[in-house]
N, C-alpha and C. Protein backbone atom coordinates (compact mmCIF):
# COMPACT_ATOMS: atom_id res chain seq x y z
N MET A 1 0.85 -1.19 0.00
CA MET A 1 0.00 0.00 0.00
C MET A 1 0.89 1.24 0.00
N PRO A 2 0.67 2.16 -0.94
CA PRO A 2 1.51 3.36 -0.99
C PRO A 2 1.23 4.27 0.20
N PRO A 3 2.23 5.07 0.59
CA PRO A 3 2.02 5.99 1.72
C PRO A 3 0.99 7.06 1.38
N ALA A 4 0.37 7.59 2.41
CA ALA A 4 -0.62 8.65 2.20
C ALA A 4 0.08 9.89 1.67
N PRO A 5 -0.57 10.62 0.78
CA PRO A 5 0.05 11.85 0.25
C PRO A 5 0.21 12.89 1.35
N TYR A 6 1.24 13.71 1.22
CA TYR A 6 1.50 14.77 2.18
C TYR A 6 0.35 15.78 2.14
N PHE A 7 -0.12 16.18 3.31
CA PHE A 7 -1.23 17.13 3.40
C PHE A 7 -0.68 18.48 3.83
N ASN A 8 -0.84 19.48 3.01
CA ASN A 8 -0.39 20.83 3.32
C ASN A 8 -1.62 21.69 3.59
N ALA A 9 -1.79 22.13 4.85
CA ALA A 9 -2.99 22.87 5.24
C ALA A 9 -3.06 24.24 4.58
N MET A 10 -1.94 24.80 4.17
CA MET A 10 -1.96 26.13 3.58
C MET A 10 -2.02 26.08 2.06
N GLN A 11 -2.17 24.90 1.51
CA GLN A 11 -2.26 24.74 0.06
C GLN A 11 -3.50 25.49 -0.44
N LEU A 12 -3.35 26.18 -1.55
CA LEU A 12 -4.46 26.96 -2.08
C LEU A 12 -5.45 26.05 -2.81
N ILE A 13 -6.48 25.67 -2.09
CA ILE A 13 -7.56 24.92 -2.72
C ILE A 13 -8.43 25.91 -3.48
N SER A 14 -8.78 26.97 -2.81
CA SER A 14 -9.43 28.12 -3.43
C SER A 14 -9.04 29.32 -2.58
N PRO A 15 -9.06 30.51 -3.14
CA PRO A 15 -8.65 31.68 -2.35
C PRO A 15 -9.50 31.89 -1.10
N SER A 16 -10.78 31.58 -1.16
CA SER A 16 -11.62 31.81 0.01
C SER A 16 -11.29 30.84 1.14
N ILE A 17 -10.96 29.58 0.81
CA ILE A 17 -10.59 28.60 1.83
C ILE A 17 -9.24 28.97 2.44
N ALA A 18 -8.29 29.36 1.63
CA ALA A 18 -6.98 29.75 2.14
C ALA A 18 -7.10 30.97 3.05
N THR A 19 -7.93 31.93 2.68
CA THR A 19 -8.14 33.12 3.50
C THR A 19 -8.78 32.74 4.82
N ARG A 20 -9.74 31.85 4.78
CA ARG A 20 -10.41 31.41 6.01
C ARG A 20 -9.42 30.72 6.95
N ARG A 21 -8.52 29.89 6.41
CA ARG A 21 -7.52 29.23 7.23
C ARG A 21 -6.57 30.23 7.86
N LEU A 22 -6.13 31.22 7.08
CA LEU A 22 -5.25 32.24 7.64
C LEU A 22 -5.96 33.07 8.69
N ASP A 23 -7.24 33.39 8.47
CA ASP A 23 -8.02 34.12 9.47
C ASP A 23 -8.12 33.34 10.77
N ALA A 24 -8.31 32.03 10.68
CA ALA A 24 -8.41 31.20 11.88
C ALA A 24 -7.07 31.17 12.62
N LEU A 25 -5.97 31.06 11.88
CA LEU A 25 -4.66 31.08 12.52
C LEU A 25 -4.37 32.42 13.18
N ARG A 26 -4.75 33.51 12.50
CA ARG A 26 -4.56 34.84 13.10
C ARG A 26 -5.39 34.99 14.37
N ALA A 27 -6.60 34.49 14.35
CA ALA A 27 -7.45 34.57 15.54
C ALA A 27 -6.84 33.80 16.69
N CYS A 28 -6.26 32.65 16.42
CA CYS A 28 -5.57 31.89 17.48
C CYS A 28 -4.36 32.66 18.01
N ALA A 29 -3.64 33.32 17.10
CA ALA A 29 -2.46 34.08 17.52
C ALA A 29 -2.85 35.28 18.38
N GLU A 30 -3.98 35.87 18.10
CA GLU A 30 -4.40 37.07 18.83
C GLU A 30 -5.12 36.74 20.14
N ASN A 31 -5.40 35.49 20.38
CA ASN A 31 -6.05 35.05 21.62
C ASN A 31 -5.17 34.00 22.29
N PRO A 32 -4.16 34.41 23.04
CA PRO A 32 -3.20 33.45 23.57
C PRO A 32 -3.79 32.46 24.56
N ARG A 33 -4.94 32.75 25.15
CA ARG A 33 -5.57 31.80 26.06
C ARG A 33 -6.42 30.80 25.30
N GLY A 34 -6.55 30.96 24.01
CA GLY A 34 -7.26 30.00 23.17
C GLY A 34 -8.60 30.50 22.67
N LEU A 35 -9.01 29.99 21.53
CA LEU A 35 -10.32 30.28 20.96
C LEU A 35 -11.34 29.30 21.53
N ARG A 36 -12.58 29.71 21.61
CA ARG A 36 -13.62 28.82 22.12
C ARG A 36 -13.76 27.61 21.20
N ALA A 37 -14.31 26.57 21.74
CA ALA A 37 -14.38 25.30 21.02
C ALA A 37 -15.17 25.40 19.72
N GLY A 38 -16.17 26.25 19.64
CA GLY A 38 -17.01 26.34 18.45
C GLY A 38 -16.54 27.32 17.41
N ALA A 39 -15.39 27.94 17.60
CA ALA A 39 -14.90 28.92 16.64
C ALA A 39 -14.38 28.22 15.39
N TYR A 40 -14.71 28.75 14.23
CA TYR A 40 -14.27 28.21 12.94
C TYR A 40 -14.48 26.69 12.88
N PRO A 41 -15.73 26.22 12.96
CA PRO A 41 -15.97 24.77 13.08
C PRO A 41 -15.52 23.94 11.87
N GLY A 42 -15.48 24.50 10.71
CA GLY A 42 -15.04 23.73 9.55
C GLY A 42 -13.57 23.89 9.23
N THR A 43 -12.91 24.83 9.88
CA THR A 43 -11.53 25.15 9.54
C THR A 43 -10.53 24.63 10.56
N LEU A 44 -10.79 24.84 11.84
CA LEU A 44 -9.81 24.47 12.86
C LEU A 44 -9.55 22.97 12.96
N PRO A 45 -10.55 22.09 12.76
CA PRO A 45 -10.20 20.66 12.75
C PRO A 45 -9.23 20.28 11.63
N VAL A 46 -9.33 20.94 10.49
CA VAL A 46 -8.40 20.68 9.39
C VAL A 46 -7.00 21.15 9.78
N LEU A 47 -6.92 22.31 10.42
CA LEU A 47 -5.63 22.83 10.86
C LEU A 47 -5.04 21.97 11.98
N GLU A 48 -5.91 21.34 12.77
CA GLU A 48 -5.43 20.44 13.83
C GLU A 48 -4.77 19.20 13.21
N VAL A 49 -5.37 18.66 12.17
CA VAL A 49 -4.79 17.51 11.49
C VAL A 49 -3.42 17.87 10.92
N ALA A 50 -3.27 19.09 10.45
CA ALA A 50 -2.00 19.55 9.89
C ALA A 50 -0.99 19.91 10.97
N GLY A 51 -1.41 19.95 12.23
CA GLY A 51 -0.50 20.26 13.32
C GLY A 51 -0.28 21.74 13.57
N LEU A 52 -1.15 22.60 13.03
CA LEU A 52 -0.97 24.04 13.20
C LEU A 52 -1.69 24.58 14.43
N VAL A 53 -2.72 23.89 14.88
CA VAL A 53 -3.41 24.24 16.12
C VAL A 53 -3.61 22.96 16.94
N ALA A 54 -3.88 23.14 18.22
CA ALA A 54 -4.10 21.99 19.10
C ALA A 54 -5.25 22.31 20.05
N ARG A 55 -5.86 21.27 20.59
CA ARG A 55 -6.92 21.45 21.59
C ARG A 55 -6.28 21.42 22.97
N ARG A 56 -6.69 22.37 23.81
CA ARG A 56 -6.21 22.40 25.19
C ARG A 56 -7.41 22.37 26.10
N SER A 57 -7.44 21.41 27.01
CA SER A 57 -8.56 21.32 27.93
C SER A 57 -8.41 22.36 29.02
N SER A 58 -9.54 22.79 29.56
CA SER A 58 -9.52 23.80 30.62
C SER A 58 -10.60 23.47 31.63
N GLY A 59 -10.51 24.09 32.76
CA GLY A 59 -11.48 23.84 33.81
C GLY A 59 -11.09 22.65 34.65
N PRO A 60 -11.68 22.53 35.81
CA PRO A 60 -11.31 21.43 36.71
C PRO A 60 -11.68 20.06 36.18
N SER A 61 -12.74 19.95 35.43
CA SER A 61 -13.14 18.63 34.92
C SER A 61 -12.43 18.28 33.62
N GLY A 62 -11.91 19.28 32.93
CA GLY A 62 -11.24 19.03 31.65
C GLY A 62 -12.20 18.82 30.49
N ARG A 63 -13.50 19.01 30.74
CA ARG A 63 -14.47 18.80 29.66
C ARG A 63 -14.50 19.96 28.69
N ASN A 64 -14.17 21.16 29.14
CA ASN A 64 -14.12 22.32 28.25
C ASN A 64 -12.74 22.36 27.60
N TRP A 65 -12.69 22.83 26.36
CA TRP A 65 -11.41 22.94 25.68
C TRP A 65 -11.41 24.15 24.76
N HIS A 66 -10.21 24.55 24.38
CA HIS A 66 -10.00 25.72 23.53
C HIS A 66 -8.97 25.36 22.47
N TRP A 67 -9.02 26.08 21.36
CA TRP A 67 -8.02 25.92 20.30
C TRP A 67 -6.85 26.83 20.60
N VAL A 68 -5.64 26.31 20.55
CA VAL A 68 -4.43 27.12 20.75
C VAL A 68 -3.48 26.90 19.57
N LEU A 69 -2.67 27.90 19.31
CA LEU A 69 -1.73 27.87 18.20
C LEU A 69 -0.47 27.09 18.60
N THR A 70 0.03 26.26 17.71
CA THR A 70 1.27 25.52 17.96
C THR A 70 2.45 26.30 17.36
N ASP A 71 3.66 25.82 17.62
CA ASP A 71 4.84 26.46 17.04
C ASP A 71 4.83 26.37 15.52
N ALA A 72 4.32 25.27 14.99
CA ALA A 72 4.21 25.14 13.54
C ALA A 72 3.21 26.15 12.98
N GLY A 73 2.15 26.42 13.74
CA GLY A 73 1.18 27.44 13.32
C GLY A 73 1.78 28.83 13.31
N ARG A 74 2.60 29.12 14.32
CA ARG A 74 3.28 30.42 14.34
C ARG A 74 4.23 30.56 13.15
N ALA A 75 4.92 29.47 12.83
CA ALA A 75 5.83 29.49 11.68
C ALA A 75 5.06 29.69 10.37
N ALA A 76 3.89 29.05 10.26
CA ALA A 76 3.07 29.21 9.06
C ALA A 76 2.58 30.65 8.93
N LEU A 77 2.21 31.26 10.04
CA LEU A 77 1.79 32.67 10.00
C LEU A 77 2.96 33.57 9.60
N ALA A 78 4.12 33.33 10.17
CA ALA A 78 5.29 34.14 9.84
C ALA A 78 5.65 33.99 8.36
N ALA A 79 5.51 32.78 7.82
CA ALA A 79 5.80 32.54 6.41
C ALA A 79 4.82 33.27 5.50
N ASN A 80 3.63 33.56 6.02
CA ASN A 80 2.62 34.28 5.25
C ASN A 80 2.59 35.77 5.56
N GLY A 81 3.61 36.26 6.26
CA GLY A 81 3.76 37.69 6.48
C GLY A 81 3.04 38.25 7.69
N TYR A 82 2.57 37.42 8.60
CA TYR A 82 1.87 37.91 9.79
C TYR A 82 2.87 38.18 10.89
N THR A 83 2.81 39.37 11.46
CA THR A 83 3.59 39.70 12.65
C THR A 83 2.63 40.32 13.66
N PRO A 84 2.63 39.83 14.90
CA PRO A 84 1.73 40.41 15.89
C PRO A 84 2.13 41.84 16.22
N ASP A 85 1.15 42.66 16.47
CA ASP A 85 1.38 44.07 16.81
C ASP A 85 1.74 44.16 18.29
N PRO A 86 2.97 44.57 18.63
CA PRO A 86 3.37 44.61 20.04
C PRO A 86 2.65 45.69 20.84
N ASP A 87 2.06 46.69 20.16
CA ASP A 87 1.38 47.77 20.87
C ASP A 87 -0.03 47.39 21.31
N VAL A 88 -0.56 46.31 20.76
CA VAL A 88 -1.91 45.89 21.10
C VAL A 88 -1.83 44.78 22.15
N ALA A 89 -2.38 45.05 23.31
CA ALA A 89 -2.38 44.04 24.37
C ALA A 89 -3.41 42.96 24.05
N PRO A 90 -3.10 41.71 24.34
CA PRO A 90 -4.09 40.66 24.10
C PRO A 90 -5.31 40.84 24.98
N ARG A 91 -6.47 40.53 24.43
CA ARG A 91 -7.71 40.65 25.19
C ARG A 91 -8.03 39.33 25.86
N PHE A 92 -8.36 39.38 27.13
CA PHE A 92 -8.70 38.19 27.87
C PHE A 92 -10.18 38.25 28.24
N ARG A 93 -10.81 37.11 28.23
CA ARG A 93 -12.24 37.04 28.54
C ARG A 93 -12.50 37.47 29.98
N ASP A 94 -11.59 37.14 30.89
CA ASP A 94 -11.81 37.48 32.28
C ASP A 94 -11.16 38.79 32.70
N ALA A 95 -10.75 39.61 31.73
CA ALA A 95 -10.18 40.91 32.06
C ALA A 95 -11.27 41.82 32.62
N PRO A 96 -10.92 42.67 33.58
CA PRO A 96 -11.94 43.57 34.14
C PRO A 96 -12.44 44.54 33.09
N SER A 97 -13.73 44.79 33.10
CA SER A 97 -14.31 45.74 32.15
C SER A 97 -14.18 47.13 32.71
N ARG A 98 -14.19 48.09 31.81
CA ARG A 98 -14.03 49.49 32.23
C ARG A 98 -15.34 50.10 32.52
């Protein structure tokens, strides 16, 4: 049986799919505590298979989880010209409101 073909998550299937994948990676980069489980439901599982994002469990029971960016995901973003803005502080869900 021949080996499975290499899967490249950033391969241009169509411009809209590639843009959606980059948007999902950028969203993960801008939310260091992780994206909610239901964010980008058709995109993030594909990026997980490619190793660009991972699931991280949270809470005492571990039943809740969030999407977080991996080092490979950061490298993919850097290869596509994304650099985080150091002047913008990351927003946290539990940050005090003004």
